[in-house]
């Protein structure tokens, strides 16, 4: 069960990262919002998704 939760965390991080990267480049899922605040939200969310992905990956390697 713990390994499945870490994999789920990596999947969620990937989906969040993909959604906000697409919004940053194409303004697709969220319409880019208002550009200055939308840019900060996209970058902050990408950093958070990367952090979640790293923490999930690190936790999965500690479970083994």
Protein backbone atom coordinates (compact mmCIF):
# COMPACT_ATOMS: atom_id res chain seq x y z
CA UNK A 1 0.00 0.00 0.00
CA UNK A 2 2.70 2.62 0.79
CA UNK A 3 4.38 2.00 -2.57
CA UNK A 4 1.07 2.51 -4.38
CA UNK A 5 0.58 5.82 -2.57
CA UNK A 6 4.01 7.06 -3.62
CA UNK A 7 3.30 6.10 -7.23
CA UNK A 8 -0.04 7.91 -6.99
CA UNK A 9 1.81 10.98 -5.71
CA UNK A 10 4.12 10.88 -8.74
CA UNK A 11 1.16 10.54 -11.10
CA UNK A 12 -0.61 13.49 -9.48
CA UNK A 13 2.59 15.55 -9.68
CA UNK A 14 2.91 14.71 -13.36
CA UNK A 15 -0.69 15.65 -14.11
CA UNK A 16 -0.44 18.93 -12.20
CA UNK A 17 2.86 19.74 -13.88
CA UNK A 18 1.45 18.94 -17.32
CA UNK A 19 -1.68 21.05 -16.77
CA UNK A 20 0.20 24.12 -15.56
CA UNK A 21 2.95 23.77 -18.19
CA UNK A 22 0.26 23.69 -20.89
CA UNK A 23 -1.36 26.76 -19.34
CA UNK A 24 1.99 28.53 -19.27
CA UNK A 25 2.77 27.79 -22.91
CA UNK A 26 -0.64 27.51 -24.61
CA UNK A 27 -3.09 29.11 -22.14
CA UNK A 28 -5.27 26.03 -22.59
CA UNK A 29 -6.76 24.57 -19.40
CA UNK A 30 -7.13 27.77 -17.38
CA UNK A 31 -7.08 30.39 -20.14
CA UNK A 32 -3.87 31.93 -18.84
CA UNK A 33 -5.92 33.95 -16.31
CA UNK A 34 -4.56 37.46 -16.08
CA UNK A 35 -1.03 37.27 -17.38
CA UNK A 36 1.09 38.68 -14.51
CA UNK A 37 -0.68 36.74 -11.75
CA UNK A 38 -1.31 33.78 -14.04
CA UNK A 39 2.40 33.54 -14.78
CA UNK A 40 3.27 33.52 -11.07
CA UNK A 41 0.59 30.91 -10.39
CA UNK A 42 1.84 28.69 -13.21
CA UNK A 43 5.46 28.90 -12.10
CA UNK A 44 4.61 28.33 -8.45
CA UNK A 45 2.47 25.33 -9.33
CA UNK A 46 5.23 23.88 -11.50
CA UNK A 47 7.68 24.20 -8.61
CA UNK A 48 5.17 22.56 -6.24
CA UNK A 49 4.54 19.71 -8.72
CA UNK A 50 8.28 19.16 -9.08
CA UNK A 51 8.69 19.10 -5.31
CA UNK A 52 5.82 16.63 -4.91
CA UNK A 53 7.30 14.42 -7.62
CA UNK A 54 10.72 14.45 -6.00
CA UNK A 55 9.38 13.73 -2.52
CA UNK A 56 7.27 10.85 -3.86
CA UNK A 57 10.24 9.42 -5.74
CA UNK A 58 12.48 9.71 -2.69
CA UNK A 59 9.88 8.07 -0.44
CA UNK A 60 9.45 5.20 -2.91
CA UNK A 61 13.21 4.52 -2.83
CA UNK A 62 13.18 4.48 0.98
CA UNK A 63 10.38 1.89 1.06
CA UNK A 64 12.45 -0.70 -0.86
